[in-house]
Amino acid sequence: MHDYTKFNGEAEILKVLGHPIRLCIVTGLLGKECNVTTMQQCLKLPQPIISQHLAVLKKKGIIEGGRKGTEISYRVVNEKARAVAELLWNLRGER
């Protein structure tokens, strides 16, 4: 039997990605950077909701934002979160 505490980090990633909006944001950032305006157009959600979810993802170290002019572009920086998002995306069978 394994020591369950060794999975705390992975469990935290799963908890954060367990929300459909956050999972959608992370899968949308696979392979490319994106700003809030583009996310808002794709997700058809108000900017404050997207910003709240981005804040959670940033706080947990899953994404980072970098300023490009007046916008902030976000990208996935946590490789475990990237792998989980890719796996779940591939299990859906569509891109």
N, C-alpha and C. Protein backbone atom coordinates (compact mmCIF):
# COMPACT_ATOMS: atom_id res chain seq x y z
N MET A 1 0.85 -1.18 0.00
CA MET A 1 0.00 0.00 0.00
C MET A 1 0.89 1.24 0.00
N HIS A 2 0.45 2.28 -0.70
CA HIS A 2 1.20 3.54 -0.80
C HIS A 2 0.78 4.51 0.31
N ASP A 3 1.67 5.42 0.61
CA ASP A 3 1.35 6.50 1.54
C ASP A 3 0.49 7.51 0.78
N TYR A 4 -0.75 7.65 1.18
CA TYR A 4 -1.68 8.51 0.45
C TYR A 4 -1.24 9.97 0.40
N THR A 5 -0.43 10.41 1.34
CA THR A 5 -0.02 11.81 1.35
C THR A 5 0.89 12.15 0.17
N LYS A 6 1.45 11.12 -0.47
CA LYS A 6 2.30 11.36 -1.64
C LYS A 6 1.49 11.86 -2.83
N PHE A 7 0.17 11.74 -2.75
CA PHE A 7 -0.71 12.15 -3.85
C PHE A 7 -1.37 13.50 -3.61
N ASN A 8 -0.95 14.22 -2.58
CA ASN A 8 -1.58 15.50 -2.26
C ASN A 8 -1.50 16.49 -3.42
N GLY A 9 -0.35 16.60 -4.05
CA GLY A 9 -0.19 17.53 -5.16
C GLY A 9 -1.08 17.18 -6.34
N GLU A 10 -1.11 15.90 -6.68
CA GLU A 10 -1.94 15.45 -7.80
C GLU A 10 -3.42 15.65 -7.48
N ALA A 11 -3.81 15.36 -6.24
CA ALA A 11 -5.20 15.54 -5.84
C ALA A 11 -5.61 17.01 -5.93
N GLU A 12 -4.69 17.90 -5.59
CA GLU A 12 -4.98 19.34 -5.67
C GLU A 12 -5.19 19.76 -7.12
N ILE A 13 -4.38 19.24 -8.03
CA ILE A 13 -4.55 19.54 -9.45
C ILE A 13 -5.90 19.05 -9.93
N LEU A 14 -6.27 17.83 -9.54
CA LEU A 14 -7.57 17.28 -9.95
C LEU A 14 -8.72 18.11 -9.40
N LYS A 15 -8.57 18.59 -8.17
CA LYS A 15 -9.62 19.41 -7.56
C LYS A 15 -9.79 20.71 -8.35
N VAL A 16 -8.69 21.34 -8.70
CA VAL A 16 -8.77 22.61 -9.44
C VAL A 16 -9.32 22.38 -10.84
N LEU A 17 -8.88 21.33 -11.51
CA LEU A 17 -9.36 21.04 -12.87
C LEU A 17 -10.74 20.40 -12.88
N GLY A 18 -11.26 20.09 -11.70
CA GLY A 18 -12.58 19.46 -11.60
C GLY A 18 -13.73 20.39 -11.95
N HIS A 19 -13.47 21.66 -12.07
CA HIS A 19 -14.53 22.60 -12.48
C HIS A 19 -14.52 22.69 -14.00
N PRO A 20 -15.67 22.53 -14.66
CA PRO A 20 -15.69 22.50 -16.12
C PRO A 20 -15.15 23.76 -16.79
N ILE A 21 -15.37 24.92 -16.20
CA ILE A 21 -14.85 26.15 -16.82
C ILE A 21 -13.33 26.17 -16.75
N ARG A 22 -12.77 25.80 -15.60
CA ARG A 22 -11.30 25.79 -15.48
C ARG A 22 -10.69 24.73 -16.39
N LEU A 23 -11.33 23.58 -16.49
CA LEU A 23 -10.83 22.54 -17.38
C LEU A 23 -10.88 23.02 -18.83
N CYS A 24 -11.94 23.70 -19.19
CA CYS A 24 -12.06 24.24 -20.54
C CYS A 24 -10.99 25.29 -20.81
N ILE A 25 -10.72 26.14 -19.85
CA ILE A 25 -9.67 27.15 -20.01
C ILE A 25 -8.32 26.48 -20.22
N VAL A 26 -7.99 25.50 -19.39
CA VAL A 26 -6.68 24.84 -19.50
C VAL A 26 -6.57 24.08 -20.82
N THR A 27 -7.61 23.36 -21.24
CA THR A 27 -7.52 22.66 -22.52
C THR A 27 -7.41 23.65 -23.67
N GLY A 28 -8.04 24.81 -23.53
CA GLY A 28 -7.92 25.84 -24.56
C GLY A 28 -6.53 26.44 -24.65
N LEU A 29 -5.80 26.36 -23.55
CA LEU A 29 -4.43 26.90 -23.52
C LEU A 29 -3.37 25.87 -23.90
N LEU A 30 -3.77 24.65 -24.18
CA LEU A 30 -2.80 23.63 -24.58
C LEU A 30 -2.21 24.02 -25.94
N GLY A 31 -0.94 24.25 -25.96
CA GLY A 31 -0.26 24.54 -27.21
C GLY A 31 -0.31 25.99 -27.66
N LYS A 32 -1.00 26.86 -26.90
CA LYS A 32 -1.03 28.26 -27.31
C LYS A 32 -1.34 29.15 -26.12
N GLU A 33 -0.96 30.41 -26.25
CA GLU A 33 -1.30 31.41 -25.25
C GLU A 33 -2.60 32.09 -25.67
N CYS A 34 -3.27 32.68 -24.68
CA CYS A 34 -4.56 33.30 -24.97
C CYS A 34 -4.82 34.40 -23.95
N ASN A 35 -5.54 35.44 -24.36
CA ASN A 35 -5.90 36.51 -23.43
C ASN A 35 -7.37 36.39 -23.02
N VAL A 36 -7.77 37.18 -22.05
CA VAL A 36 -9.13 37.09 -21.50
C VAL A 36 -10.18 37.42 -22.55
N THR A 37 -9.90 38.39 -23.40
CA THR A 37 -10.86 38.78 -24.44
C THR A 37 -11.17 37.61 -25.36
N THR A 38 -10.15 36.90 -25.78
CA THR A 38 -10.34 35.74 -26.65
C THR A 38 -11.08 34.63 -25.90
N MET A 39 -10.71 34.40 -24.64
CA MET A 39 -11.41 33.39 -23.84
C MET A 39 -12.88 33.74 -23.71
N GLN A 40 -13.17 35.00 -23.50
CA GLN A 40 -14.54 35.46 -23.34
C GLN A 40 -15.35 35.18 -24.61
N GLN A 41 -14.75 35.42 -25.76
CA GLN A 41 -15.42 35.16 -27.03
C GLN A 41 -15.65 33.67 -27.25
N CYS A 42 -14.67 32.85 -26.89
CA CYS A 42 -14.79 31.40 -27.09
C CYS A 42 -15.76 30.76 -26.11
N LEU A 43 -15.66 31.14 -24.85
CA LEU A 43 -16.47 30.51 -23.80
C LEU A 43 -17.85 31.14 -23.67
N LYS A 44 -18.02 32.34 -24.23
CA LYS A 44 -19.29 33.06 -24.12
C LYS A 44 -19.71 33.24 -22.67
N LEU A 45 -18.73 33.66 -21.86
CA LEU A 45 -18.95 33.92 -20.44
C LEU A 45 -18.52 35.35 -20.14
N PRO A 46 -19.10 35.97 -19.11
CA PRO A 46 -18.68 37.31 -18.74
C PRO A 46 -17.22 37.33 -18.27
N GLN A 47 -16.56 38.45 -18.53
CA GLN A 47 -15.15 38.59 -18.17
C GLN A 47 -14.89 38.37 -16.69
N PRO A 48 -15.74 38.85 -15.76
CA PRO A 48 -15.45 38.62 -14.34
C PRO A 48 -15.42 37.13 -13.96
N ILE A 49 -16.26 36.33 -14.58
CA ILE A 49 -16.26 34.89 -14.28
C ILE A 49 -14.96 34.26 -14.76
N ILE A 50 -14.56 34.60 -15.97
CA ILE A 50 -13.30 34.06 -16.50
C ILE A 50 -12.13 34.50 -15.62
N SER A 51 -12.12 35.75 -15.22
CA SER A 51 -11.04 36.26 -14.38
C SER A 51 -10.98 35.55 -13.03
N GLN A 52 -12.13 35.22 -12.46
CA GLN A 52 -12.15 34.48 -11.19
C GLN A 52 -11.50 33.11 -11.35
N HIS A 53 -11.83 32.43 -12.44
CA HIS A 53 -11.26 31.10 -12.67
C HIS A 53 -9.77 31.19 -13.00
N LEU A 54 -9.37 32.21 -13.73
CA LEU A 54 -7.95 32.41 -14.01
C LEU A 54 -7.18 32.64 -12.72
N ALA A 55 -7.77 33.37 -11.79
CA ALA A 55 -7.11 33.64 -10.51
C ALA A 55 -6.87 32.35 -9.74
N VAL A 56 -7.83 31.44 -9.76
CA VAL A 56 -7.67 30.14 -9.08
C VAL A 56 -6.55 29.35 -9.74
N LEU A 57 -6.55 29.30 -11.06
CA LEU A 57 -5.52 28.56 -11.79
C LEU A 57 -4.13 29.15 -11.56
N LYS A 58 -4.04 30.47 -11.50
CA LYS A 58 -2.76 31.12 -11.23
C LYS A 58 -2.29 30.84 -9.80
N LYS A 59 -3.19 30.94 -8.86
CA LYS A 59 -2.84 30.72 -7.45
C LYS A 59 -2.29 29.31 -7.23
N LYS A 60 -2.81 28.34 -7.95
CA LYS A 60 -2.36 26.95 -7.81
C LYS A 60 -1.16 26.63 -8.70
N GLY A 61 -0.66 27.62 -9.44
CA GLY A 61 0.54 27.42 -10.25
C GLY A 61 0.31 26.63 -11.52
N ILE A 62 -0.92 26.59 -12.00
CA ILE A 62 -1.23 25.83 -13.22
C ILE A 62 -1.00 26.68 -14.46
N ILE A 63 -1.29 27.97 -14.36
CA ILE A 63 -1.06 28.88 -15.48
C ILE A 63 -0.26 30.09 -15.00
N GLU A 64 0.30 30.80 -15.97
CA GLU A 64 0.97 32.08 -15.71
C GLU A 64 0.51 33.05 -16.78
N GLY A 65 0.52 34.32 -16.42
CA GLY A 65 0.18 35.36 -17.38
C GLY A 65 1.35 36.27 -17.63
N GLY A 66 1.49 36.70 -18.87
CA GLY A 66 2.53 37.64 -19.24
C GLY A 66 1.94 38.78 -20.04
N ARG A 67 2.31 39.99 -19.73
CA ARG A 67 1.75 41.16 -20.41
C ARG A 67 2.28 41.26 -21.83
N LYS A 68 1.34 41.48 -22.75
CA LYS A 68 1.67 41.73 -24.16
C LYS A 68 0.87 42.96 -24.57
N GLY A 69 1.51 44.10 -24.50
CA GLY A 69 0.81 45.36 -24.76
C GLY A 69 -0.15 45.65 -23.62
N THR A 70 -1.42 45.83 -23.97
CA THR A 70 -2.43 46.12 -22.94
C THR A 70 -3.10 44.86 -22.41
N GLU A 71 -2.83 43.73 -23.02
CA GLU A 71 -3.46 42.46 -22.63
C GLU A 71 -2.48 41.59 -21.87
N ILE A 72 -3.03 40.64 -21.12
CA ILE A 72 -2.22 39.61 -20.47
C ILE A 72 -2.54 38.30 -21.15
N SER A 73 -1.52 37.64 -21.67
CA SER A 73 -1.68 36.33 -22.30
C SER A 73 -1.33 35.26 -21.28
N TYR A 74 -2.16 34.23 -21.23
CA TYR A 74 -1.98 33.15 -20.27
C TYR A 74 -1.51 31.89 -20.98
N ARG A 75 -0.74 31.08 -20.23
CA ARG A 75 -0.25 29.81 -20.76
C ARG A 75 -0.17 28.81 -19.62
N VAL A 76 -0.23 27.53 -19.96
CA VAL A 76 -0.11 26.45 -18.98
C VAL A 76 1.36 26.27 -18.65
N VAL A 77 1.69 26.24 -17.35
CA VAL A 77 3.08 26.06 -16.94
C VAL A 77 3.28 24.81 -16.08
N ASN A 78 2.20 24.22 -15.60
CA ASN A 78 2.30 23.03 -14.76
C ASN A 78 2.15 21.80 -15.65
N GLU A 79 3.23 21.02 -15.76
CA GLU A 79 3.24 19.88 -16.69
C GLU A 79 2.27 18.77 -16.27
N LYS A 80 2.08 18.58 -14.97
CA LYS A 80 1.12 17.57 -14.52
C LYS A 80 -0.29 17.98 -14.90
N ALA A 81 -0.61 19.25 -14.72
CA ALA A 81 -1.94 19.75 -15.10
C ALA A 81 -2.12 19.65 -16.61
N ARG A 82 -1.06 19.95 -17.36
CA ARG A 82 -1.13 19.83 -18.82
C ARG A 82 -1.43 18.38 -19.22
N ALA A 83 -0.74 17.43 -18.59
CA ALA A 83 -0.94 16.02 -18.91
C ALA A 83 -2.37 15.57 -18.59
N VAL A 84 -2.89 16.00 -17.45
CA VAL A 84 -4.26 15.64 -17.07
C VAL A 84 -5.25 16.23 -18.07
N ALA A 85 -5.08 17.50 -18.42
CA ALA A 85 -5.99 18.15 -19.36
C ALA A 85 -5.93 17.48 -20.74
N GLU A 86 -4.73 17.14 -21.20
CA GLU A 86 -4.59 16.45 -22.48
C GLU A 86 -5.26 15.09 -22.45
N LEU A 87 -5.07 14.36 -21.37
CA LEU A 87 -5.70 13.04 -21.23
C LEU A 87 -7.22 13.16 -21.28
N LEU A 88 -7.77 14.07 -20.51
CA LEU A 88 -9.22 14.24 -20.48
C LEU A 88 -9.75 14.70 -21.84
N TRP A 89 -9.00 15.59 -22.49
CA TRP A 89 -9.42 16.05 -23.82
C TRP A 89 -9.43 14.89 -24.81
N ASN A 90 -8.39 14.07 -24.79
CA ASN A 90 -8.31 12.93 -25.70
C ASN A 90 -9.38 11.89 -25.40
N LEU A 91 -9.73 11.72 -24.15
CA LEU A 91 -10.80 10.78 -23.80
C LEU A 91 -12.15 11.22 -24.35
N ARG A 92 -12.32 12.50 -24.56
CA ARG A 92 -13.56 13.02 -25.13
C ARG A 92 -13.67 12.65 -26.60
N GLY A 93 -12.54 12.47 -27.27
CA GLY A 93 -12.56 12.05 -28.65
C GLY A 93 -12.79 13.16 -29.67
N GLU A 94 -12.65 14.41 -29.24
CA GLU A 94 -12.80 15.51 -30.19
C GLU A 94 -11.82 16.62 -29.87
N ARG A 95 -11.49 17.41 -30.86
CA ARG A 95 -10.58 18.55 -30.68
C ARG A 95 -11.21 19.80 -31.16
